[in-house]
Amino acid sequence: MSDSMPGPGPEPVEPGPVEPAAAEERAEAYDPAGPAPLGVERAPTGDARVDGLLGRLGDADHLATDGHIEVYEDVHRGLRDALTALDVPPGPPVPSPMGTPAASSPHPTPYNRS
């Protein structure tokens, strides 16, 4: 054999018979009428809580449409809570300068008329 002439290639492999069980598994794995992932990529936000909530959206990929609402509401509630938490100043609560009137105050207030 010379360097300019390639030798014989690998023997072609004949596909074997497909086992019925394997064919059924593949057919069950893809159901065009069933739920399918949308393939929407989610970029990390840098906030672990928000990233976890957005990752939860992937749970809807494997549910029928009527199951999506529960996942979406859960994620929406969590995102709303995360945004609300941004408005809370860090540290202990600051007391008001006027103080709060006691519930048993002898003096009537516009909100507590005794």
N, C-alpha and C. Protein backbone atom coordinates (compact mmCIF):
# COMPACT_ATOMS: atom_id res chain seq x y z
N MET A 1 0.84 -1.16 0.00
CA MET A 1 0.00 0.00 0.00
C MET A 1 0.89 1.23 0.00
N SER A 2 0.52 2.26 -0.75
CA SER A 2 1.33 3.46 -0.82
C SER A 2 0.66 4.56 -0.01
N ASP A 3 1.43 5.63 0.25
CA ASP A 3 0.90 6.75 1.02
C ASP A 3 -0.15 7.53 0.23
N SER A 4 -0.09 7.48 -1.10
CA SER A 4 -1.04 8.25 -1.90
C SER A 4 -2.38 7.54 -2.05
N MET A 5 -2.44 6.25 -1.83
CA MET A 5 -3.68 5.49 -1.96
C MET A 5 -4.21 5.13 -0.58
N PRO A 6 -5.37 5.61 -0.24
CA PRO A 6 -5.91 5.25 1.07
C PRO A 6 -6.27 3.78 1.12
N GLY A 7 -6.15 3.21 2.28
CA GLY A 7 -6.49 1.81 2.47
C GLY A 7 -7.99 1.65 2.56
N PRO A 8 -8.44 0.46 2.73
CA PRO A 8 -9.88 0.23 2.84
C PRO A 8 -10.42 0.90 4.10
N GLY A 9 -11.59 1.47 3.97
CA GLY A 9 -12.24 2.17 5.09
C GLY A 9 -12.90 1.18 6.02
N PRO A 10 -13.53 1.68 7.04
CA PRO A 10 -14.20 0.79 7.98
C PRO A 10 -15.38 0.11 7.29
N GLU A 11 -15.67 -1.07 7.77
CA GLU A 11 -16.79 -1.83 7.22
C GLU A 11 -18.08 -1.10 7.53
N PRO A 12 -18.99 -0.95 6.54
CA PRO A 12 -20.28 -0.33 6.86
C PRO A 12 -21.06 -1.22 7.82
N VAL A 13 -21.73 -0.58 8.74
CA VAL A 13 -22.48 -1.31 9.75
C VAL A 13 -23.96 -1.25 9.36
N GLU A 14 -24.53 -2.42 9.24
CA GLU A 14 -25.96 -2.51 8.91
C GLU A 14 -26.75 -2.22 10.18
N PRO A 15 -27.77 -1.37 10.10
CA PRO A 15 -28.58 -1.15 11.30
C PRO A 15 -29.31 -2.42 11.68
N GLY A 16 -29.30 -2.72 12.96
CA GLY A 16 -29.96 -3.91 13.45
C GLY A 16 -31.46 -3.68 13.55
N PRO A 17 -32.18 -4.70 13.87
CA PRO A 17 -33.63 -4.53 14.03
C PRO A 17 -33.92 -3.65 15.24
N VAL A 18 -34.92 -2.81 15.10
CA VAL A 18 -35.32 -1.92 16.20
C VAL A 18 -36.23 -2.71 17.12
N GLU A 19 -35.85 -2.68 18.38
CA GLU A 19 -36.67 -3.39 19.36
C GLU A 19 -37.97 -2.62 19.56
N PRO A 20 -39.10 -3.31 19.63
CA PRO A 20 -40.39 -2.63 19.78
C PRO A 20 -40.45 -1.75 21.03
N ALA A 21 -39.85 -2.18 22.13
CA ALA A 21 -39.90 -1.40 23.36
C ALA A 21 -39.18 -0.07 23.18
N ALA A 22 -38.01 -0.08 22.51
CA ALA A 22 -37.25 1.16 22.31
C ALA A 22 -38.03 2.10 21.39
N ALA A 23 -38.67 1.57 20.37
CA ALA A 23 -39.46 2.41 19.46
C ALA A 23 -40.64 3.03 20.19
N GLU A 24 -41.26 2.28 21.09
CA GLU A 24 -42.39 2.81 21.85
C GLU A 24 -41.94 3.91 22.80
N GLU A 25 -40.76 3.74 23.42
CA GLU A 25 -40.24 4.75 24.34
C GLU A 25 -40.00 6.05 23.59
N ARG A 26 -39.42 5.96 22.39
CA ARG A 26 -39.18 7.17 21.61
C ARG A 26 -40.50 7.82 21.22
N ALA A 27 -41.48 7.01 20.88
CA ALA A 27 -42.78 7.56 20.49
C ALA A 27 -43.45 8.23 21.69
N GLU A 28 -43.28 7.66 22.89
CA GLU A 28 -43.87 8.26 24.08
C GLU A 28 -43.11 9.51 24.49
N ALA A 29 -41.81 9.56 24.23
CA ALA A 29 -41.01 10.71 24.62
C ALA A 29 -41.42 11.95 23.83
N TYR A 30 -41.89 11.78 22.62
CA TYR A 30 -42.31 12.93 21.82
C TYR A 30 -43.78 12.78 21.49
N ASP A 31 -44.56 13.61 22.11
CA ASP A 31 -45.99 13.64 21.85
C ASP A 31 -46.30 15.04 21.34
N PRO A 32 -46.56 15.19 20.04
CA PRO A 32 -46.77 16.54 19.51
C PRO A 32 -47.94 17.27 20.15
N ALA A 33 -48.89 16.54 20.72
CA ALA A 33 -50.03 17.18 21.38
C ALA A 33 -49.74 17.45 22.86
N GLY A 34 -48.65 16.90 23.37
CA GLY A 34 -48.34 17.06 24.79
C GLY A 34 -47.55 18.32 25.07
N PRO A 35 -47.27 18.57 26.36
CA PRO A 35 -46.50 19.76 26.72
C PRO A 35 -45.08 19.65 26.18
N ALA A 36 -44.54 20.77 25.76
CA ALA A 36 -43.18 20.80 25.23
C ALA A 36 -42.51 22.09 25.70
N PRO A 37 -41.23 22.03 26.02
CA PRO A 37 -40.53 23.24 26.43
C PRO A 37 -40.52 24.27 25.31
N LEU A 38 -40.61 25.53 25.69
CA LEU A 38 -40.57 26.60 24.70
C LEU A 38 -39.15 26.91 24.25
N GLY A 39 -38.18 26.53 25.06
CA GLY A 39 -36.78 26.79 24.70
C GLY A 39 -36.36 28.23 24.93
N VAL A 40 -37.06 28.93 25.83
CA VAL A 40 -36.70 30.31 26.14
C VAL A 40 -35.53 30.29 27.10
N GLU A 41 -34.43 30.94 26.72
CA GLU A 41 -33.27 30.98 27.59
C GLU A 41 -33.45 32.09 28.62
N ARG A 42 -33.02 31.80 29.84
CA ARG A 42 -33.11 32.78 30.92
C ARG A 42 -31.71 33.17 31.34
N ALA A 43 -31.38 34.42 31.18
CA ALA A 43 -30.06 34.93 31.58
C ALA A 43 -30.07 35.19 33.08
N PRO A 44 -28.99 34.85 33.77
CA PRO A 44 -28.94 35.12 35.21
C PRO A 44 -29.00 36.62 35.49
N THR A 45 -29.70 36.98 36.55
CA THR A 45 -29.85 38.39 36.92
C THR A 45 -28.79 38.83 37.91
N GLY A 46 -28.17 37.87 38.60
CA GLY A 46 -27.22 38.21 39.65
C GLY A 46 -27.85 38.20 41.03
N ASP A 47 -29.17 38.10 41.10
CA ASP A 47 -29.88 38.01 42.37
C ASP A 47 -30.36 36.57 42.51
N ALA A 48 -29.84 35.87 43.50
CA ALA A 48 -30.14 34.44 43.65
C ALA A 48 -31.63 34.18 43.81
N ARG A 49 -32.32 35.04 44.54
CA ARG A 49 -33.76 34.83 44.75
C ARG A 49 -34.53 34.98 43.43
N VAL A 50 -34.21 36.01 42.66
CA VAL A 50 -34.89 36.24 41.39
C VAL A 50 -34.53 35.13 40.40
N ASP A 51 -33.25 34.74 40.37
CA ASP A 51 -32.84 33.67 39.46
C ASP A 51 -33.56 32.37 39.78
N GLY A 52 -33.75 32.08 41.06
CA GLY A 52 -34.47 30.88 41.45
C GLY A 52 -35.92 30.92 41.00
N LEU A 53 -36.54 32.08 41.14
CA LEU A 53 -37.94 32.23 40.72
C LEU A 53 -38.07 32.10 39.21
N LEU A 54 -37.15 32.72 38.47
CA LEU A 54 -37.21 32.62 37.01
C LEU A 54 -36.93 31.18 36.56
N GLY A 55 -36.07 30.49 37.29
CA GLY A 55 -35.82 29.08 36.98
C GLY A 55 -37.06 28.23 37.19
N ARG A 56 -37.90 28.64 38.12
CA ARG A 56 -39.16 27.92 38.39
C ARG A 56 -40.09 27.97 37.19
N LEU A 57 -39.95 28.97 36.33
CA LEU A 57 -40.78 29.03 35.12
C LEU A 57 -40.58 27.79 34.25
N GLY A 58 -39.41 27.18 34.34
CA GLY A 58 -39.15 25.95 33.59
C GLY A 58 -40.05 24.81 34.02
N ASP A 59 -40.61 24.88 35.22
CA ASP A 59 -41.53 23.83 35.67
C ASP A 59 -42.77 23.77 34.79
N ALA A 60 -43.15 24.90 34.22
CA ALA A 60 -44.34 24.93 33.37
C ALA A 60 -44.10 24.21 32.05
N ASP A 61 -42.84 24.03 31.67
CA ASP A 61 -42.53 23.36 30.40
C ASP A 61 -43.06 21.94 30.34
N HIS A 62 -43.21 21.31 31.48
CA HIS A 62 -43.61 19.90 31.51
C HIS A 62 -45.05 19.71 31.95
N LEU A 63 -45.78 20.81 32.07
CA LEU A 63 -47.18 20.74 32.52
C LEU A 63 -48.11 21.04 31.35
N ALA A 64 -49.31 20.52 31.46
CA ALA A 64 -50.34 20.89 30.50
C ALA A 64 -50.68 22.36 30.73
N THR A 65 -51.29 22.98 29.76
CA THR A 65 -51.58 24.42 29.83
C THR A 65 -52.35 24.80 31.08
N ASP A 66 -53.30 23.98 31.50
CA ASP A 66 -54.08 24.34 32.69
C ASP A 66 -53.25 24.32 33.97
N GLY A 67 -52.06 23.75 33.95
CA GLY A 67 -51.18 23.76 35.11
C GLY A 67 -50.23 24.95 35.14
N HIS A 68 -50.16 25.71 34.05
CA HIS A 68 -49.24 26.84 33.98
C HIS A 68 -49.61 27.94 34.97
N ILE A 69 -50.88 28.19 35.15
CA ILE A 69 -51.32 29.33 35.96
C ILE A 69 -50.77 29.26 37.38
N GLU A 70 -50.73 28.06 37.95
CA GLU A 70 -50.21 27.92 39.32
C GLU A 70 -48.73 28.31 39.38
N VAL A 71 -47.96 27.87 38.39
CA VAL A 71 -46.53 28.21 38.35
C VAL A 71 -46.36 29.71 38.15
N TYR A 72 -47.08 30.28 37.19
CA TYR A 72 -46.96 31.71 36.90
C TYR A 72 -47.35 32.56 38.10
N GLU A 73 -48.42 32.18 38.80
CA GLU A 73 -48.84 32.95 39.98
C GLU A 73 -47.81 32.86 41.09
N ASP A 74 -47.22 31.68 41.27
CA ASP A 74 -46.20 31.49 42.29
C ASP A 74 -44.98 32.37 41.98
N VAL A 75 -44.53 32.36 40.73
CA VAL A 75 -43.38 33.17 40.33
C VAL A 75 -43.71 34.65 40.47
N HIS A 76 -44.89 35.05 40.03
CA HIS A 76 -45.29 36.46 40.13
C HIS A 76 -45.31 36.92 41.58
N ARG A 77 -45.87 36.09 42.47
CA ARG A 77 -45.92 36.42 43.90
C ARG A 77 -44.50 36.60 44.45
N GLY A 78 -43.60 35.68 44.09
CA GLY A 78 -42.23 35.76 44.57
C GLY A 78 -41.50 36.99 44.05
N LEU A 79 -41.70 37.31 42.77
CA LEU A 79 -41.05 38.51 42.20
C LEU A 79 -41.60 39.78 42.84
N ARG A 80 -42.90 39.81 43.09
CA ARG A 80 -43.51 40.97 43.75
C ARG A 80 -42.93 41.13 45.15
N ASP A 81 -42.78 40.02 45.89
CA ASP A 81 -42.19 40.08 47.23
C ASP A 81 -40.75 40.56 47.18
N ALA A 82 -39.99 40.10 46.17
CA ALA A 82 -38.60 40.52 46.03
C ALA A 82 -38.51 42.02 45.75
N LEU A 83 -39.41 42.53 44.91
CA LEU A 83 -39.42 43.97 44.63
C LEU A 83 -39.85 44.77 45.86
N THR A 84 -40.82 44.27 46.59
CA THR A 84 -41.28 44.96 47.80
C THR A 84 -40.15 45.02 48.82
N ALA A 85 -39.37 43.96 48.92
CA ALA A 85 -38.26 43.92 49.88
C ALA A 85 -37.21 44.98 49.56
N LEU A 86 -37.13 45.41 48.31
CA LEU A 86 -36.16 46.46 47.95
C LEU A 86 -36.54 47.80 48.57
N ASP A 87 -37.81 48.00 48.88
CA ASP A 87 -38.28 49.25 49.46
C ASP A 87 -38.07 49.33 50.96
N VAL A 88 -37.77 48.21 51.60
CA VAL A 88 -37.58 48.18 53.05
C VAL A 88 -36.13 48.58 53.35
N PRO A 89 -35.94 49.64 54.14
CA PRO A 89 -34.57 50.04 54.46
C PRO A 89 -33.89 48.97 55.31
N PRO A 90 -32.60 48.80 55.13
CA PRO A 90 -31.88 47.80 55.93
C PRO A 90 -31.79 48.24 57.39
N GLY A 91 -31.70 47.29 58.27
CA GLY A 91 -31.54 47.59 59.69
C GLY A 91 -32.85 47.56 60.43
N PRO A 92 -32.79 47.88 61.73
CA PRO A 92 -34.01 47.85 62.55
C PRO A 92 -34.93 49.01 62.16
N PRO A 93 -36.22 48.87 62.44
CA PRO A 93 -37.16 49.95 62.12
C PRO A 93 -36.82 51.22 62.90
N VAL A 94 -37.01 52.35 62.27
CA VAL A 94 -36.73 53.63 62.91
C VAL A 94 -38.00 54.11 63.60
N PRO A 95 -37.93 54.45 64.92
CA PRO A 95 -39.13 54.93 65.60
C PRO A 95 -39.53 56.31 65.07
N SER A 96 -40.81 56.57 65.07
CA SER A 96 -41.28 57.87 64.58
C SER A 96 -40.94 58.94 65.62
N PRO A 97 -40.68 60.18 65.21
CA PRO A 97 -40.29 61.22 66.17
C PRO A 97 -41.43 61.60 67.12
N MET A 98 -42.64 61.45 66.69
CA MET A 98 -43.77 61.83 67.53
C MET A 98 -44.22 60.68 68.42
N GLY A 99 -43.75 59.51 68.17
CA GLY A 99 -44.22 58.34 68.91
C GLY A 99 -45.59 57.95 68.40
N THR A 100 -46.07 56.84 68.83
CA THR A 100 -47.39 56.40 68.41
C THR A 100 -48.33 56.52 69.59
N PRO A 101 -49.54 56.98 69.36
CA PRO A 101 -50.46 57.10 70.50
C PRO A 101 -50.83 55.72 71.02
N ALA A 102 -50.94 55.62 72.33
CA ALA A 102 -51.32 54.36 72.95
C ALA A 102 -52.78 54.08 72.66
N ALA A 103 -53.14 52.83 72.62
CA ALA A 103 -54.52 52.44 72.34
C ALA A 103 -55.46 52.90 73.44
N SER A 104 -54.96 53.02 74.68
CA SER A 104 -55.82 53.43 75.79
C SER A 104 -55.63 54.91 76.12
N SER A 105 -55.25 55.71 75.14
CA SER A 105 -55.02 57.12 75.36
C SER A 105 -56.31 57.81 75.83
N PRO A 106 -56.24 58.63 76.87
CA PRO A 106 -57.46 59.30 77.36
C PRO A 106 -57.89 60.43 76.42
N HIS A 107 -56.99 60.89 75.58
CA HIS A 107 -57.32 61.97 74.66
C HIS A 107 -57.79 61.39 73.33
N PRO A 108 -58.94 61.85 72.86
CA PRO A 108 -59.42 61.33 71.59
C PRO A 108 -58.54 61.82 70.43
N THR A 109 -58.37 60.99 69.46
CA THR A 109 -57.64 61.36 68.24
C THR A 109 -58.60 61.16 67.08
N PRO A 110 -58.28 61.72 65.93
CA PRO A 110 -59.18 61.54 64.79
C PRO A 110 -59.44 60.06 64.48
N TYR A 111 -58.52 59.20 64.85
CA TYR A 111 -58.66 57.76 64.55
C TYR A 111 -59.19 56.97 65.72
N ASN A 112 -59.08 57.55 66.93
CA ASN A 112 -59.48 56.81 68.14
C ASN A 112 -60.40 57.70 68.94
N ARG A 113 -61.66 57.70 68.65
CA ARG A 113 -62.61 58.54 69.40
C ARG A 113 -63.26 57.68 70.47
N SER A 114 -62.99 58.05 71.71
CA SER A 114 -63.56 57.30 72.83
C SER A 114 -64.73 58.00 73.42
